[in-house]
Amino acid sequence: MIWLLDPGHGIETNGKRSPFIPPGIREYEFNRDIARRIIDWFPRQLDIQSIVNDEHSVKLRHRVNRANAIAEQEDEVFFISLHANASGRSAREWNDAHGSTVFVSENASQSSALFADILAPRIALTLKTKDRGVRRRDFYVLHKTRCPAVLIEYGFMTNEIEAAKLASDGYRELLAQATVGAMLEFEERF
């Protein structure tokens, strides 16, 4: 199995941040840090690659094309898009939206749905946060990839309490560990 990590968004993506920078987080930095931590935690016997290796914005089409090129050459490929969520009309105001969510496409493969069912409760339990569950949406990176795919929203940058957690090293380590744990469980079971 090859696991493809997509640290969503880049430095040029407008509005992807918590209110009141500083202190706060920018989503591109958070997503890339989580990808790096997952790669660091990942056991050597498993194959993992990052779709995006710099902080610049890479168009969704290019992310999907990279994933599909690998999926055409390999038998077992799984795509994971990493994100921090936001809610509300303005990135300048805090709100009470909280919790983690895992998304699959409307026509998700059985593998996508099974992994999402493992991942969603594991993240919520590990992080002691609200499990917003598995939701079906036809986000471009889910709908257009030709391999199993999920999109993770680890928490809300627009919630003052969650934003502080998402910014902390210890919490990010837990996010990476929870994600890797779900990947290992999926490989063991399927």
C-alpha atoms as a PDB file:
ATOM      1  CA  MET A   1       0.000   0.000   0.000  1.00  0.00           C
ATOM      2  CA  ILE A   2       1.228   3.489  -0.877  1.00  0.00           C
ATOM      3  CA  TRP A   3      -0.215   6.267   1.277  1.00  0.00           C
ATOM      4  CA  LEU A   4      -0.302   9.657  -0.455  1.00  0.00           C
ATOM      5  CA  LEU A   5      -0.517  12.672   1.843  1.00  0.00           C
ATOM      6  CA  ASP A   6      -1.985  15.893   0.498  1.00  0.00           C
ATOM      7  CA  PRO A   7      -1.240  18.801   2.858  1.00  0.00           C
ATOM      8  CA  GLY A   8      -4.094  20.961   1.573  1.00  0.00           C
ATOM      9  CA  HIS A   9      -3.720  24.630   0.627  1.00  0.00           C
ATOM     10  CA  GLY A  10      -0.661  26.795   0.239  1.00  0.00           C
ATOM     11  CA  ILE A  11       0.672  30.081   1.505  1.00  0.00           C
ATOM     12  CA  GLU A  12      -1.163  31.996  -1.237  1.00  0.00           C
ATOM     13  CA  THR A  13      -4.603  30.587  -0.290  1.00  0.00           C
ATOM     14  CA  ASN A  14      -6.611  33.491   1.151  1.00  0.00           C
ATOM     15  CA  GLY A  15      -8.589  33.185   4.362  1.00  0.00           C
ATOM     16  CA  LYS A  16      -7.204  29.870   5.551  1.00  0.00           C
ATOM     17  CA  ARG A  17      -6.173  30.959   9.035  1.00  0.00           C
ATOM     18  CA  SER A  18      -7.377  31.399  12.562  1.00  0.00           C
ATOM     19  CA  PRO A  19      -8.511  34.851  13.752  1.00  0.00           C
ATOM     20  CA  PHE A  20      -6.035  37.236  15.311  1.00  0.00           C
ATOM     21  CA  ILE A  21      -2.662  36.302  13.867  1.00  0.00           C
ATOM     22  CA  PRO A  22      -0.512  36.361  15.975  1.00  0.00           C
ATOM     23  CA  PRO A  23      -1.119  34.226  17.910  1.00  0.00           C
ATOM     24  CA  GLY A  24      -2.829  31.772  15.664  1.00  0.00           C
ATOM     25  CA  ILE A  25      -2.269  29.344  12.886  1.00  0.00           C
ATOM     26  CA  ARG A  26      -2.264  29.398   9.122  1.00  0.00           C
ATOM     27  CA  GLU A  27      -3.721  26.295   7.557  1.00  0.00           C
ATOM     28  CA  TYR A  28      -0.942  25.718   5.018  1.00  0.00           C
ATOM     29  CA  GLU A  29       1.629  25.606   7.823  1.00  0.00           C
ATOM     30  CA  PHE A  30      -0.524  23.323   9.973  1.00  0.00           C
ATOM     31  CA  ASN A  31      -1.246  20.894   7.113  1.00  0.00           C
ATOM     32  CA  ARG A  32       2.414  20.604   6.117  1.00  0.00           C
ATOM     33  CA  ASP A  33       3.520  20.122   9.709  1.00  0.00           C
ATOM     34  CA  ILE A  34       0.999  17.302  10.212  1.00  0.00           C
ATOM     35  CA  ALA A  35       2.178  15.629   6.979  1.00  0.00           C
ATOM     36  CA  ARG A  36       5.796  15.863   8.138  1.00  0.00           C
ATOM     37  CA  ARG A  37       4.909  14.422  11.548  1.00  0.00           C
ATOM     38  CA  ILE A  38       2.951  11.546   9.972  1.00  0.00           C
ATOM     39  CA  ILE A  39       5.925  10.742   7.760  1.00  0.00           C
ATOM     40  CA  ASP A  40       8.214  10.855  10.823  1.00  0.00           C
ATOM     41  CA  TRP A  41       5.915   8.525  12.779  1.00  0.00           C
ATOM     42  CA  PHE A  42       5.254   6.138   9.922  1.00  0.00           C
ATOM     43  CA  PRO A  43       6.878   2.713  10.287  1.00  0.00           C
ATOM     44  CA  ARG A  44       9.650   2.057   7.783  1.00  0.00           C
ATOM     45  CA  GLN A  45       7.968  -1.065   6.399  1.00  0.00           C
ATOM     46  CA  LEU A  46       5.112   1.007   4.938  1.00  0.00           C
ATOM     47  CA  ASP A  47       5.281   3.349   1.961  1.00  0.00           C
ATOM     48  CA  ILE A  48       4.222   6.986   2.332  1.00  0.00           C
ATOM     49  CA  GLN A  49       4.650   9.963   0.018  1.00  0.00           C
ATOM     50  CA  SER A  50       3.685  13.617   0.118  1.00  0.00           C
ATOM     51  CA  ILE A  51       1.883  15.004  -2.928  1.00  0.00           C
ATOM     52  CA  VAL A  52       3.046  18.567  -2.134  1.00  0.00           C
ATOM     53  CA  ASN A  53       6.595  19.241  -0.980  1.00  0.00           C
ATOM     54  CA  ASP A  54       6.669  23.025  -0.701  1.00  0.00           C
ATOM     55  CA  GLU A  55       4.527  25.696   0.905  1.00  0.00           C
ATOM     56  CA  HIS A  56       3.257  27.273  -2.323  1.00  0.00           C
ATOM     57  CA  SER A  57      -0.284  26.736  -3.495  1.00  0.00           C
ATOM     58  CA  VAL A  58      -0.682  23.772  -5.823  1.00  0.00           C
ATOM     59  CA  LYS A  59      -3.926  23.690  -7.764  1.00  0.00           C
ATOM     60  CA  LEU A  60      -6.366  20.918  -6.902  1.00  0.00           C
ATOM     61  CA  ARG A  61      -6.153  19.580 -10.459  1.00  0.00           C
ATOM     62  CA  HIS A  62      -2.382  19.154 -10.110  1.00  0.00           C
ATOM     63  CA  ARG A  63      -2.728  17.412  -6.740  1.00  0.00           C
ATOM     64  CA  VAL A  64      -5.237  14.974  -8.204  1.00  0.00           C
ATOM     65  CA  ASN A  65      -3.149  14.438 -11.345  1.00  0.00           C
ATOM     66  CA  ARG A  66      -0.122  13.547  -9.210  1.00  0.00           C
ATOM     67  CA  ALA A  67      -2.169  11.073  -7.187  1.00  0.00           C
ATOM     68  CA  ASN A  68      -3.756   9.544 -10.289  1.00  0.00           C
ATOM     69  CA  ALA A  69      -0.373   9.143 -12.003  1.00  0.00           C
ATOM     70  CA  ILE A  70       0.854   7.102  -9.040  1.00  0.00           C
ATOM     71  CA  ALA A  71      -2.416   5.135  -8.837  1.00  0.00           C
ATOM     72  CA  GLU A  72      -2.090   4.178 -12.526  1.00  0.00           C
ATOM     73  CA  GLN A  73       1.317   2.619 -11.870  1.00  0.00           C
ATOM     74  CA  GLU A  74       0.655   0.977  -8.509  1.00  0.00           C
ATOM     75  CA  ASP A  75      -1.997  -1.494  -7.357  1.00  0.00           C
ATOM     76  CA  GLU A  76      -2.748  -0.204  -3.861  1.00  0.00           C
ATOM     77  CA  VAL A  77      -2.745   3.550  -3.369  1.00  0.00           C
ATOM     78  CA  PHE A  78      -4.657   5.584  -0.777  1.00  0.00           C
ATOM     79  CA  PHE A  79      -5.003   9.396  -0.838  1.00  0.00           C
ATOM     80  CA  ILE A  80      -5.361  11.426   2.392  1.00  0.00           C
ATOM     81  CA  SER A  81      -5.967  15.183   2.287  1.00  0.00           C
ATOM     82  CA  LEU A  82      -5.036  16.945   5.560  1.00  0.00           C
ATOM     83  CA  HIS A  83      -6.847  20.081   6.780  1.00  0.00           C
ATOM     84  CA  ALA A  84      -7.919  22.282   9.668  1.00  0.00           C
ATOM     85  CA  ASN A  85     -11.504  23.473   9.443  1.00  0.00           C
ATOM     86  CA  ALA A  86     -13.038  26.960   9.641  1.00  0.00           C
ATOM     87  CA  SER A  87     -16.587  28.103  10.209  1.00  0.00           C
ATOM     88  CA  GLY A  88     -18.465  31.360   9.950  1.00  0.00           C
ATOM     89  CA  ARG A  89     -18.537  34.298   7.603  1.00  0.00           C
ATOM     90  CA  SER A  90     -15.328  35.901   8.752  1.00  0.00           C
ATOM     91  CA  ALA A  91     -11.901  34.559   9.563  1.00  0.00           C
ATOM     92  CA  ARG A  92     -11.621  37.493  11.969  1.00  0.00           C
ATOM     93  CA  GLU A  93     -14.099  36.195  14.532  1.00  0.00           C
ATOM     94  CA  TRP A  94     -14.061  33.229  16.868  1.00  0.00           C
ATOM     95  CA  ASN A  95     -17.076  30.902  17.003  1.00  0.00           C
ATOM     96  CA  ASP A  96     -18.127  27.737  18.815  1.00  0.00           C
ATOM     97  CA  ALA A  97     -17.863  25.201  15.943  1.00  0.00           C
ATOM     98  CA  HIS A  98     -15.628  22.342  17.100  1.00  0.00           C
ATOM     99  CA  GLY A  99     -14.679  18.742  16.495  1.00  0.00           C
ATOM    100  CA  SER A 100     -13.064  16.578  13.836  1.00  0.00           C
ATOM    101  CA  THR A 101     -14.632  15.314  10.606  1.00  0.00           C
ATOM    102  CA  VAL A 102     -13.578  12.796   7.978  1.00  0.00           C
ATOM    103  CA  PHE A 103     -14.985  13.223   4.476  1.00  0.00           C
ATOM    104  CA  VAL A 104     -15.394  10.727   1.651  1.00  0.00           C
ATOM    105  CA  SER A 105     -16.938  11.317  -1.773  1.00  0.00           C
ATOM    106  CA  GLU A 106     -20.624  10.678  -2.495  1.00  0.00           C
ATOM    107  CA  ASN A 107     -19.622   7.560  -4.450  1.00  0.00           C
ATOM    108  CA  ALA A 108     -16.845   6.505  -2.099  1.00  0.00           C
ATOM    109  CA  SER A 109     -15.167   3.178  -2.618  1.00  0.00           C
ATOM    110  CA  GLN A 110     -15.610   0.528   0.027  1.00  0.00           C
ATOM    111  CA  SER A 111     -11.978   1.051   1.051  1.00  0.00           C
ATOM    112  CA  SER A 112     -12.501   4.803   1.498  1.00  0.00           C
ATOM    113  CA  ALA A 113     -15.575   4.245   3.660  1.00  0.00           C
ATOM    114  CA  LEU A 114     -13.884   1.551   5.777  1.00  0.00           C
ATOM    115  CA  PHE A 115     -10.813   3.694   6.425  1.00  0.00           C
ATOM    116  CA  ALA A 116     -12.982   6.710   7.280  1.00  0.00           C
ATOM    117  CA  ASP A 117     -14.945   4.573   9.755  1.00  0.00           C
ATOM    118  CA  ILE A 118     -11.674   3.615  11.471  1.00  0.00           C
ATOM    119  CA  LEU A 119     -10.161   7.101  11.324  1.00  0.00           C
ATOM    120  CA  ALA A 120     -13.014   9.354  12.528  1.00  0.00           C
ATOM    121  CA  PRO A 121     -13.553   7.833  15.982  1.00  0.00           C
ATOM    122  CA  ARG A 122      -9.825   7.262  16.514  1.00  0.00           C
ATOM    123  CA  ILE A 123      -9.057  10.957  15.980  1.00  0.00           C
ATOM    124  CA  ALA A 124     -11.924  12.109  18.221  1.00  0.00           C
ATOM    125  CA  LEU A 125     -11.061   9.640  20.988  1.00  0.00           C
ATOM    126  CA  THR A 126      -7.329  10.370  20.917  1.00  0.00           C
ATOM    127  CA  LEU A 127      -7.889  14.118  20.909  1.00  0.00           C
ATOM    128  CA  LYS A 128     -10.847  14.074  23.282  1.00  0.00           C
ATOM    129  CA  THR A 129     -12.836  16.176  20.860  1.00  0.00           C
ATOM    130  CA  LYS A 130     -16.291  15.964  19.323  1.00  0.00           C
ATOM    131  CA  ASP A 131     -16.559  13.290  16.621  1.00  0.00           C
ATOM    132  CA  ARG A 132     -18.429  15.005  13.790  1.00  0.00           C
ATOM    133  CA  GLY A 133     -18.340  11.652  12.030  1.00  0.00           C
ATOM    134  CA  VAL A 134     -17.884  10.584   8.448  1.00  0.00           C
ATOM    135  CA  ARG A 135     -19.575  12.818   5.909  1.00  0.00           C
ATOM    136  CA  ARG A 136     -20.047  12.437   2.184  1.00  0.00           C
ATOM    137  CA  ARG A 137     -19.130  15.401  -0.004  1.00  0.00           C
ATOM    138  CA  ASP A 138     -17.874  15.602  -3.536  1.00  0.00           C
ATOM    139  CA  PHE A 139     -14.827  17.716  -2.827  1.00  0.00           C
ATOM    140  CA  TYR A 140     -12.658  17.849  -5.930  1.00  0.00           C
ATOM    141  CA  VAL A 141      -9.753  15.895  -4.407  1.00  0.00           C
ATOM    142  CA  LEU A 142     -12.124  13.117  -3.327  1.00  0.00           C
ATOM    143  CA  HIS A 143     -14.312  12.962  -6.396  1.00  0.00           C
ATOM    144  CA  LYS A 144     -11.541  13.110  -9.006  1.00  0.00           C
ATOM    145  CA  THR A 145      -8.942  10.765  -7.517  1.00  0.00           C
ATOM    146  CA  ARG A 146      -8.890   7.297  -9.029  1.00  0.00           C
ATOM    147  CA  CYS A 147      -7.904   5.616  -5.785  1.00  0.00           C
ATOM    148  CA  PRO A 148      -9.474   5.398  -2.321  1.00  0.00           C
ATOM    149  CA  ALA A 149      -9.460   8.843  -0.712  1.00  0.00           C
ATOM    150  CA  VAL A 150     -10.435  10.700   2.462  1.00  0.00           C
ATOM    151  CA  LEU A 151     -10.207  14.320   3.579  1.00  0.00           C
ATOM    152  CA  ILE A 152      -9.570  14.990   7.280  1.00  0.00           C
ATOM    153  CA  GLU A 153     -10.624  18.163   9.088  1.00  0.00           C
ATOM    154  CA  TYR A 154      -8.791  17.821  12.416  1.00  0.00           C
ATOM    155  CA  GLY A 155     -10.511  20.706  14.199  1.00  0.00           C
ATOM    156  CA  PHE A 156     -11.628  24.306  13.814  1.00  0.00           C
ATOM    157  CA  MET A 157      -9.127  27.142  13.473  1.00  0.00           C
ATOM    158  CA  THR A 158     -12.043  29.507  14.152  1.00  0.00           C
ATOM    159  CA  ASN A 159     -12.698  28.058  17.614  1.00  0.00           C
ATOM    160  CA  GLU A 160     -10.400  29.782  20.103  1.00  0.00           C
ATOM    161  CA  ILE A 161      -9.895  26.664  22.245  1.00  0.00           C
ATOM    162  CA  GLU A 162      -9.321  24.309  19.308  1.00  0.00           C
ATOM    163  CA  ALA A 163      -7.065  26.815  17.526  1.00  0.00           C
ATOM    164  CA  ALA A 164      -4.794  26.926  20.587  1.00  0.00           C
ATOM    165  CA  LYS A 165      -4.661  23.130  20.612  1.00  0.00           C
ATOM    166  CA  LEU A 166      -4.027  22.901  16.847  1.00  0.00           C
ATOM    167  CA  ALA A 167      -1.119  25.317  17.286  1.00  0.00           C
ATOM    168  CA  SER A 168       0.586  23.237  20.000  1.00  0.00           C
ATOM    169  CA  ASP A 169       3.354  20.710  19.330  1.00  0.00           C
ATOM    170  CA  GLY A 170       1.928  18.125  21.722  1.00  0.00           C
ATOM    171  CA  TYR A 171      -1.498  18.188  20.096  1.00  0.00           C
ATOM    172  CA  ARG A 172       0.012  17.940  16.621  1.00  0.00           C
ATOM    173  CA  GLU A 173       1.980  14.881  17.723  1.00  0.00           C
ATOM    174  CA  LEU A 174      -1.277  13.300  18.889  1.00  0.00           C
ATOM    175  CA  LEU A 175      -2.918  14.108  15.544  1.00  0.00           C
ATOM    176  CA  ALA A 176      -0.086  12.414  13.678  1.00  0.00           C
ATOM    177  CA  GLN A 177      -0.135   9.385  16.002  1.00  0.00           C
ATOM    178  CA  ALA A 178      -3.910   8.980  15.697  1.00  0.00           C
ATOM    179  CA  THR A 179      -3.721   9.155  11.909  1.00  0.00           C
ATOM    180  CA  VAL A 180      -0.854   6.666  11.702  1.00  0.00           C
ATOM    181  CA  GLY A 181      -2.679   4.354  14.126  1.00  0.00           C
ATOM    182  CA  ALA A 182      -5.706   4.331  11.819  1.00  0.00           C
ATOM    183  CA  MET A 183      -3.501   3.665   8.788  1.00  0.00           C
ATOM    184  CA  LEU A 184      -1.843   0.720  10.521  1.00  0.00           C
ATOM    185  CA  GLU A 185      -5.194  -0.672  11.660  1.00  0.00           C
ATOM    186  CA  PHE A 186      -6.582  -0.400   8.144  1.00  0.00           C
ATOM    187  CA  GLU A 187      -3.575  -2.257   6.696  1.00  0.00           C
ATOM    188  CA  GLU A 188      -3.838  -4.983   9.339  1.00  0.00           C
ATOM    189  CA  ARG A 189      -7.583  -5.504   8.831  1.00  0.00           C
ATOM    190  CA  PHE A 190      -7.786  -5.188   5.069  1.00  0.00           C
END
